[in-house]
Protein backbone atom coordinates (compact mmCIF):
# COMPACT_ATOMS: atom_id res chain seq x y z
CA UNK A 1 8.02 -16.86 -30.34
CA UNK A 2 9.51 -20.46 -31.29
CA UNK A 3 6.95 -20.19 -34.55
CA UNK A 4 8.30 -17.16 -35.96
CA UNK A 5 11.87 -17.70 -35.59
CA UNK A 6 11.45 -20.97 -37.23
CA UNK A 7 9.13 -19.97 -40.02
CA UNK A 8 11.96 -17.50 -40.60
CA UNK A 9 14.64 -19.43 -40.42
CA UNK A 10 12.68 -21.74 -43.22
CA UNK A 11 12.36 -19.23 -45.16
CA UNK A 12 15.89 -18.21 -44.99
CA UNK A 13 17.00 -21.61 -45.97
CA UNK A 14 14.20 -21.31 -48.70
CA UNK A 15 15.62 -17.78 -49.97
CA UNK A 16 19.19 -19.87 -49.87
CA UNK A 17 17.61 -22.75 -52.28
CA UNK A 18 16.28 -20.58 -54.89
CA UNK A 19 19.73 -18.52 -54.84
CA UNK A 20 21.92 -22.07 -55.29
CA UNK A 21 19.18 -23.08 -57.96
CA UNK A 22 19.53 -18.96 -59.87
CA UNK A 23 23.34 -19.97 -59.96
CA UNK A 24 23.05 -24.08 -60.94
CA UNK A 25 20.24 -23.53 -64.28
CA UNK A 26 20.29 -21.43 -66.96
CA UNK A 27 16.86 -22.30 -66.91
CA UNK A 28 16.04 -20.47 -64.17
CA UNK A 29 15.98 -16.52 -63.58
CA UNK A 30 14.86 -14.79 -61.15
CA UNK A 31 14.83 -11.04 -61.38
CA UNK A 32 16.04 -9.28 -58.12
CA UNK A 33 15.32 -9.53 -54.32
CA UNK A 34 11.48 -9.01 -54.11
CA UNK A 35 11.10 -11.85 -56.52
CA UNK A 36 13.97 -13.78 -54.46
CA UNK A 37 12.20 -13.40 -50.83
CA UNK A 38 8.30 -13.21 -52.05
CA UNK A 39 9.47 -17.10 -53.69
CA UNK A 40 11.18 -18.51 -51.21
CA UNK A 41 7.90 -17.06 -48.98
CA UNK A 42 5.26 -19.24 -51.20
CA UNK A 43 7.28 -21.58 -51.03
CA UNK A 44 7.99 -22.01 -47.43
CA UNK A 45 4.50 -21.51 -47.05
CA UNK A 46 3.04 -24.19 -49.69
CA UNK A 47 5.39 -26.93 -47.60
CA UNK A 48 3.99 -25.76 -45.16
CA UNK A 49 0.38 -25.96 -45.72
CA UNK A 50 -0.65 -26.79 -48.76
CA UNK A 51 1.65 -29.75 -49.32
CA UNK A 52 0.43 -32.26 -46.03
CA UNK A 53 -3.31 -31.86 -47.93
CA UNK A 54 -1.95 -33.11 -50.29
CA UNK A 55 0.07 -35.81 -50.10
CA UNK A 56 -2.87 -36.69 -47.37
CA UNK A 57 -5.55 -36.34 -49.90
CA UNK A 58 -3.06 -38.24 -53.14
CA UNK A 59 -2.18 -41.21 -50.66
CA UNK A 60 -2.97 -43.51 -52.14
CA UNK A 61 -1.04 -42.46 -55.06
CA UNK A 62 1.68 -42.22 -53.43
CA UNK A 63 1.75 -45.72 -51.78
CA UNK A 64 0.76 -47.59 -55.53
CA UNK A 65 3.46 -44.63 -56.95
CA UNK A 66 6.42 -45.47 -54.58
CA UNK A 67 6.90 -42.15 -53.54
CA UNK A 68 6.78 -40.56 -57.10
CA UNK A 69 3.55 -38.94 -56.94
CA UNK A 70 5.29 -37.15 -53.55
CA UNK A 71 7.85 -35.75 -55.71
CA UNK A 72 5.62 -34.00 -58.04
CA UNK A 73 3.75 -32.48 -55.33
CA UNK A 74 7.39 -31.32 -54.37
CA UNK A 75 7.65 -29.60 -58.33
CA UNK A 76 4.44 -28.35 -57.94
CA UNK A 77 5.46 -26.34 -55.05
CA UNK A 78 7.95 -25.18 -56.84
CA UNK A 79 5.65 -24.38 -60.00
CA UNK A 80 3.16 -22.23 -57.19
CA UNK A 81 6.43 -19.92 -56.10
CA UNK A 82 7.18 -19.77 -59.86
CA UNK A 83 3.19 -18.56 -60.86
CA UNK A 84 2.88 -16.27 -57.75
CA UNK A 85 6.69 -14.10 -57.72
CA UNK A 86 7.20 -11.96 -60.62
CA UNK A 87 10.27 -11.70 -62.90
CA UNK A 88 10.52 -16.04 -61.13
CA UNK A 89 10.50 -18.27 -64.10
CA UNK A 90 11.50 -21.62 -64.60
CA UNK A 91 12.01 -23.05 -67.91
CA UNK A 92 11.51 -27.73 -69.07
CA UNK A 93 10.67 -29.88 -67.38
CA UNK A 94 14.50 -31.20 -66.17
CA UNK A 95 15.07 -28.29 -65.09
CA UNK A 96 11.98 -27.83 -63.11
CA UNK A 97 12.81 -31.64 -61.47
CA UNK A 98 16.35 -30.87 -61.34
CA UNK A 99 15.28 -27.29 -59.09
CA UNK A 100 13.20 -29.31 -57.07
CA UNK A 101 15.94 -31.94 -56.01
CA UNK A 102 18.39 -28.77 -55.55
CA UNK A 103 16.18 -27.07 -52.68
CA UNK A 104 15.06 -30.56 -51.10
CA UNK A 105 18.98 -30.97 -50.94
CA UNK A 106 19.33 -26.90 -49.78
CA UNK A 107 16.51 -28.30 -46.91
CA UNK A 108 17.90 -31.38 -45.56
CA UNK A 109 21.40 -30.00 -45.38
CA UNK A 110 20.76 -26.86 -43.97
CA UNK A 111 18.50 -28.36 -41.80
CA UNK A 112 21.01 -30.76 -40.82
CA UNK A 113 23.92 -28.65 -39.90
CA UNK A 114 21.29 -26.60 -37.77
CA UNK A 115 20.12 -29.18 -35.95
CA UNK A 116 23.38 -30.13 -35.35
CA UNK A 117 24.40 -26.36 -33.88
CA UNK A 118 21.04 -26.52 -31.93
CA UNK A 119 22.04 -29.96 -30.67
């Protein structure tokens, strides 16, 4: 039960992050609730399952690049969400970079607030 609640909370945080990204960047277009919910779900699953696997496989590269390639994995997770969700598009490299930073920032801030509320 706790795992299901945690996954729903993570999904909600990613929905909020994508709403903020869509609001901040002109190069991001999310066409409605279905693409938003599906994109957030793909982002949640990608971050929970694919990202740790990719991080382990590319660990030497992450160490050599001082973590920059780990950021590239985050961009890849956002690109995966864009690729799978219909009516969800991100235009331009710098938009991907900015959107990835915003998604990370929203996750950190909301996660910290939820941890503080829980304690």
